[in-house]
Amino acid sequence: MRSVPAELKVEENFLASSGALCILRFFMKRKLKTGFTTGTAAAAAAKGALRYLLEGNMPSRVMIELLTGDKLAIPIHRCERLAEDEAKCTVIKDAGDDPDVT
């Protein structure tokens, strides 16, 4: 039987005494909220800008096909025409329960 390293025992004792262990167990039991990646957000913004140029109005959302084959409707936050043949759109990224802030 292997012994538990001292630093892990200290961390476990701290978690138990601070109540953080209960909070950690609570979050581990619940289903995580899904979101989408930075690349998916960039693809949606690019598709929104292209549609804005081609159709002349800002799309409220665009459909992006994921690698799994699933389709995701991503809301377009804002679009701006920069020139006759240039536009940019923004998307607010939703990383779900992943603490990703990119």
N, C-alpha and C. Protein backbone atom coordinates (compact mmCIF):
# COMPACT_ATOMS: atom_id res chain seq x y z
N MET A 1 0.84 -1.19 0.00
CA MET A 1 0.00 0.00 0.00
C MET A 1 0.89 1.25 0.00
N ARG A 2 0.58 2.16 -0.93
CA ARG A 2 1.38 3.39 -1.05
C ARG A 2 0.89 4.44 -0.07
N SER A 3 1.81 5.23 0.43
CA SER A 3 1.42 6.29 1.35
C SER A 3 1.08 7.55 0.58
N VAL A 4 0.23 8.35 1.17
CA VAL A 4 -0.19 9.62 0.56
C VAL A 4 0.87 10.66 0.88
N PRO A 5 1.36 11.39 -0.12
CA PRO A 5 2.35 12.44 0.15
C PRO A 5 1.81 13.47 1.15
N ALA A 6 2.71 13.99 1.97
CA ALA A 6 2.33 14.93 3.03
C ALA A 6 1.61 16.16 2.49
N GLU A 7 2.05 16.69 1.32
CA GLU A 7 1.40 17.90 0.79
C GLU A 7 -0.05 17.63 0.41
N LEU A 8 -0.38 16.40 -0.01
CA LEU A 8 -1.76 16.08 -0.34
C LEU A 8 -2.61 15.95 0.92
N LYS A 9 -2.02 15.40 1.99
CA LYS A 9 -2.75 15.31 3.26
C LYS A 9 -3.08 16.71 3.77
N VAL A 10 -2.13 17.62 3.68
CA VAL A 10 -2.35 18.99 4.14
C VAL A 10 -3.46 19.64 3.32
N GLU A 11 -3.41 19.46 1.99
CA GLU A 11 -4.43 20.05 1.12
C GLU A 11 -5.80 19.47 1.43
N GLU A 12 -5.88 18.16 1.62
CA GLU A 12 -7.17 17.52 1.93
C GLU A 12 -7.70 18.02 3.26
N ASN A 13 -6.82 18.16 4.26
CA ASN A 13 -7.26 18.68 5.57
C ASN A 13 -7.75 20.12 5.44
N PHE A 14 -7.06 20.93 4.65
CA PHE A 14 -7.49 22.31 4.45
C PHE A 14 -8.86 22.35 3.78
N LEU A 15 -9.04 21.55 2.73
CA LEU A 15 -10.31 21.53 2.02
C LEU A 15 -11.45 21.11 2.95
N ALA A 16 -11.20 20.09 3.75
CA ALA A 16 -12.24 19.60 4.66
C ALA A 16 -12.58 20.65 5.71
N SER A 17 -11.56 21.31 6.27
CA SER A 17 -11.81 22.27 7.35
C SER A 17 -12.42 23.57 6.83
N SER A 18 -12.15 23.91 5.58
CA SER A 18 -12.65 25.19 5.06
C SER A 18 -14.04 25.08 4.44
N GLY A 19 -14.54 23.88 4.29
CA GLY A 19 -15.84 23.70 3.64
C GLY A 19 -15.73 23.65 2.13
N ALA A 20 -14.53 23.89 1.62
CA ALA A 20 -14.34 23.87 0.16
C ALA A 20 -14.57 22.48 -0.41
N LEU A 21 -14.30 21.44 0.38
CA LEU A 21 -14.49 20.08 -0.10
C LEU A 21 -15.96 19.83 -0.41
N CYS A 22 -16.86 20.33 0.43
CA CYS A 22 -18.29 20.19 0.19
C CYS A 22 -18.70 20.91 -1.10
N ILE A 23 -18.17 22.10 -1.29
CA ILE A 23 -18.47 22.87 -2.50
C ILE A 23 -17.93 22.15 -3.72
N LEU A 24 -16.72 21.64 -3.64
CA LEU A 24 -16.11 20.91 -4.74
C LEU A 24 -16.94 19.68 -5.09
N ARG A 25 -17.39 18.94 -4.09
CA ARG A 25 -18.23 17.75 -4.34
C ARG A 25 -19.54 18.15 -5.00
N PHE A 26 -20.14 19.27 -4.58
CA PHE A 26 -21.39 19.74 -5.18
C PHE A 26 -21.22 19.99 -6.67
N PHE A 27 -20.15 20.70 -7.05
CA PHE A 27 -19.94 21.03 -8.45
C PHE A 27 -19.55 19.82 -9.28
N MET A 28 -18.91 18.85 -8.65
CA MET A 28 -18.52 17.65 -9.38
C MET A 28 -19.73 16.78 -9.69
N LYS A 29 -20.80 16.88 -8.89
CA LYS A 29 -21.99 16.05 -9.08
C LYS A 29 -22.93 16.62 -10.15
N ARG A 30 -22.91 17.91 -10.35
CA ARG A 30 -23.86 18.50 -11.30
C ARG A 30 -23.33 18.41 -12.72
N LYS A 31 -24.25 18.45 -13.66
CA LYS A 31 -23.89 18.38 -15.06
C LYS A 31 -23.27 19.71 -15.49
N LEU A 32 -22.17 19.63 -16.22
CA LEU A 32 -21.50 20.84 -16.67
C LEU A 32 -22.26 21.50 -17.82
N LYS A 33 -22.27 22.82 -17.84
CA LYS A 33 -22.89 23.58 -18.92
C LYS A 33 -21.94 23.56 -20.12
N THR A 34 -22.48 23.27 -21.28
CA THR A 34 -21.64 23.23 -22.48
C THR A 34 -21.51 24.62 -23.08
N GLY A 35 -20.54 24.80 -23.92
CA GLY A 35 -20.29 26.06 -24.59
C GLY A 35 -19.66 25.79 -25.94
N PHE A 36 -18.90 26.76 -26.45
CA PHE A 36 -18.20 26.53 -27.71
C PHE A 36 -16.81 27.14 -27.65
N THR A 37 -15.94 26.65 -28.54
CA THR A 37 -14.52 27.02 -28.51
C THR A 37 -14.27 28.38 -29.13
N THR A 38 -13.06 28.87 -28.92
CA THR A 38 -12.63 30.12 -29.52
C THR A 38 -12.68 30.02 -31.04
N GLY A 39 -12.25 28.88 -31.58
CA GLY A 39 -12.29 28.68 -33.03
C GLY A 39 -13.70 28.71 -33.58
N THR A 40 -14.64 28.13 -32.85
CA THR A 40 -16.04 28.16 -33.28
C THR A 40 -16.57 29.59 -33.25
N ALA A 41 -16.20 30.35 -32.24
CA ALA A 41 -16.62 31.75 -32.16
C ALA A 41 -16.04 32.54 -33.33
N ALA A 42 -14.77 32.30 -33.66
CA ALA A 42 -14.14 33.01 -34.78
C ALA A 42 -14.80 32.64 -36.10
N ALA A 43 -15.13 31.36 -36.28
CA ALA A 43 -15.81 30.92 -37.51
C ALA A 43 -17.17 31.58 -37.63
N ALA A 44 -17.89 31.69 -36.51
CA ALA A 44 -19.21 32.32 -36.54
C ALA A 44 -19.10 33.80 -36.88
N ALA A 45 -18.11 34.49 -36.32
CA ALA A 45 -17.92 35.92 -36.62
C ALA A 45 -17.56 36.12 -38.09
N ALA A 46 -16.70 35.26 -38.63
CA ALA A 46 -16.32 35.35 -40.04
C ALA A 46 -17.51 35.08 -40.95
N LYS A 47 -18.30 34.07 -40.60
CA LYS A 47 -19.49 33.76 -41.41
C LYS A 47 -20.51 34.90 -41.33
N GLY A 48 -20.64 35.49 -40.15
CA GLY A 48 -21.55 36.63 -40.00
C GLY A 48 -21.12 37.81 -40.85
N ALA A 49 -19.81 38.08 -40.88
CA ALA A 49 -19.29 39.20 -41.68
C ALA A 49 -19.52 38.95 -43.17
N LEU A 50 -19.31 37.72 -43.61
CA LEU A 50 -19.53 37.38 -45.02
C LEU A 50 -21.00 37.55 -45.38
N ARG A 51 -21.88 37.05 -44.53
CA ARG A 51 -23.32 37.22 -44.80
C ARG A 51 -23.71 38.69 -44.79
N TYR A 52 -23.11 39.47 -43.92
CA TYR A 52 -23.39 40.90 -43.86
C TYR A 52 -23.01 41.57 -45.18
N LEU A 53 -21.86 41.20 -45.73
CA LEU A 53 -21.43 41.76 -47.02
C LEU A 53 -22.34 41.31 -48.16
N LEU A 54 -22.70 40.04 -48.17
CA LEU A 54 -23.49 39.49 -49.28
C LEU A 54 -24.96 39.88 -49.23
N GLU A 55 -25.52 39.93 -48.02
CA GLU A 55 -26.96 40.16 -47.88
C GLU A 55 -27.31 41.60 -47.52
N GLY A 56 -26.33 42.36 -47.03
CA GLY A 56 -26.57 43.77 -46.73
C GLY A 56 -27.15 44.05 -45.35
N ASN A 57 -27.43 43.02 -44.57
CA ASN A 57 -27.93 43.25 -43.22
C ASN A 57 -27.27 42.28 -42.25
N MET A 58 -27.23 42.68 -41.00
CA MET A 58 -26.58 41.87 -39.98
C MET A 58 -27.42 40.65 -39.65
N PRO A 59 -26.84 39.46 -39.73
CA PRO A 59 -27.59 38.27 -39.31
C PRO A 59 -27.71 38.24 -37.79
N SER A 60 -28.83 37.78 -37.29
CA SER A 60 -28.99 37.70 -35.83
C SER A 60 -28.20 36.52 -35.26
N ARG A 61 -28.03 35.47 -36.09
CA ARG A 61 -27.27 34.29 -35.69
C ARG A 61 -26.81 33.56 -36.93
N VAL A 62 -25.79 32.72 -36.78
CA VAL A 62 -25.31 31.90 -37.89
C VAL A 62 -25.23 30.45 -37.41
N MET A 63 -25.38 29.53 -38.33
CA MET A 63 -25.26 28.11 -38.02
C MET A 63 -23.83 27.67 -38.31
N ILE A 64 -23.22 27.00 -37.35
CA ILE A 64 -21.88 26.45 -37.50
C ILE A 64 -21.96 24.95 -37.29
N GLU A 65 -21.38 24.19 -38.21
CA GLU A 65 -21.34 22.74 -38.05
C GLU A 65 -20.07 22.37 -37.29
N LEU A 66 -20.25 21.63 -36.22
CA LEU A 66 -19.14 21.20 -35.38
C LEU A 66 -18.49 19.94 -35.94
N LEU A 67 -17.33 19.59 -35.43
CA LEU A 67 -16.63 18.39 -35.90
C LEU A 67 -17.44 17.12 -35.66
N THR A 68 -18.33 17.17 -34.68
CA THR A 68 -19.17 16.01 -34.37
C THR A 68 -20.31 15.85 -35.38
N GLY A 69 -20.50 16.86 -36.23
CA GLY A 69 -21.62 16.86 -37.16
C GLY A 69 -22.83 17.62 -36.63
N ASP A 70 -22.81 17.93 -35.34
CA ASP A 70 -23.91 18.72 -34.75
C ASP A 70 -23.83 20.14 -35.28
N LYS A 71 -24.98 20.80 -35.32
CA LYS A 71 -25.03 22.19 -35.75
C LYS A 71 -25.40 23.06 -34.57
N LEU A 72 -24.76 24.21 -34.51
CA LEU A 72 -24.94 25.13 -33.40
C LEU A 72 -25.28 26.51 -33.94
N ALA A 73 -26.37 27.09 -33.46
CA ALA A 73 -26.75 28.46 -33.83
C ALA A 73 -26.06 29.41 -32.85
N ILE A 74 -25.18 30.25 -33.40
CA ILE A 74 -24.42 31.18 -32.55
C ILE A 74 -24.89 32.61 -32.83
N PRO A 75 -25.32 33.31 -31.78
CA PRO A 75 -25.78 34.70 -31.97
C PRO A 75 -24.62 35.62 -32.38
N ILE A 76 -24.92 36.52 -33.30
CA ILE A 76 -23.97 37.56 -33.70
C ILE A 76 -24.22 38.77 -32.80
N HIS A 77 -23.17 39.26 -32.17
CA HIS A 77 -23.30 40.37 -31.23
C HIS A 77 -23.40 41.71 -31.96
N ARG A 78 -22.49 41.93 -32.91
CA ARG A 78 -22.45 43.22 -33.61
C ARG A 78 -21.75 43.05 -34.95
N CYS A 79 -22.16 43.82 -35.95
CA CYS A 79 -21.48 43.85 -37.25
C CYS A 79 -21.24 45.30 -37.63
N GLU A 80 -20.18 45.49 -38.41
CA GLU A 80 -19.82 46.83 -38.85
C GLU A 80 -19.23 46.73 -40.26
N ARG A 81 -19.73 47.55 -41.17
CA ARG A 81 -19.15 47.60 -42.51
C ARG A 81 -17.98 48.58 -42.48
N LEU A 82 -16.80 48.08 -42.84
CA LEU A 82 -15.60 48.90 -42.80
C LEU A 82 -15.30 49.56 -44.14
N ALA A 83 -15.69 48.91 -45.22
CA ALA A 83 -15.53 49.42 -46.58
C ALA A 83 -16.56 48.69 -47.44
N GLU A 84 -16.60 49.01 -48.73
CA GLU A 84 -17.58 48.35 -49.60
C GLU A 84 -17.43 46.84 -49.60
N ASP A 85 -16.19 46.38 -49.52
CA ASP A 85 -15.94 44.94 -49.56
C ASP A 85 -15.30 44.42 -48.27
N GLU A 86 -15.55 45.10 -47.15
CA GLU A 86 -14.93 44.70 -45.89
C GLU A 86 -15.90 44.93 -44.73
N ALA A 87 -16.03 43.91 -43.88
CA ALA A 87 -16.90 44.02 -42.72
C ALA A 87 -16.31 43.20 -41.58
N LYS A 88 -16.74 43.50 -40.38
CA LYS A 88 -16.36 42.67 -39.24
C LYS A 88 -17.58 42.47 -38.35
N CYS A 89 -17.65 41.29 -37.77
CA CYS A 89 -18.70 40.96 -36.81
C CYS A 89 -18.06 40.43 -35.55
N THR A 90 -18.77 40.56 -34.45
CA THR A 90 -18.28 40.02 -33.19
C THR A 90 -19.29 39.04 -32.63
N VAL A 91 -18.75 38.10 -31.87
CA VAL A 91 -19.54 37.07 -31.19
C VAL A 91 -19.11 37.08 -29.74
N ILE A 92 -20.03 36.93 -28.83
CA ILE A 92 -19.68 36.78 -27.43
C ILE A 92 -19.50 35.30 -27.16
N LYS A 93 -18.28 34.92 -26.81
CA LYS A 93 -17.96 33.52 -26.61
C LYS A 93 -18.63 32.99 -25.35
N ASP A 94 -19.16 31.79 -25.45
CA ASP A 94 -19.76 31.10 -24.32
C ASP A 94 -18.97 29.82 -24.09
N ALA A 95 -18.09 29.84 -23.11
CA ALA A 95 -17.25 28.67 -22.84
C ALA A 95 -17.94 27.65 -21.93
N GLY A 96 -19.19 27.89 -21.58
CA GLY A 96 -19.88 26.97 -20.67
C GLY A 96 -19.26 27.05 -19.29
N ASP A 97 -19.06 25.89 -18.66
CA ASP A 97 -18.46 25.85 -17.33
C ASP A 97 -16.94 25.81 -17.38
N ASP A 98 -16.36 25.87 -18.58
CA ASP A 98 -14.92 25.92 -18.72
C ASP A 98 -14.47 27.35 -18.39
N PRO A 99 -13.51 27.54 -17.49
CA PRO A 99 -13.10 28.90 -17.13
C PRO A 99 -12.23 29.57 -18.18
N ASP A 100 -12.36 29.18 -19.42
CA ASP A 100 -11.57 29.74 -20.52
C ASP A 100 -12.00 31.19 -20.76
N VAL A 101 -11.05 32.09 -20.80
CA VAL A 101 -11.37 33.51 -20.99
C VAL A 101 -10.73 34.07 -22.26
N THR A 102 -10.39 33.20 -23.20
CA THR A 102 -9.78 33.68 -24.44
C THR A 102 -10.82 34.27 -25.36
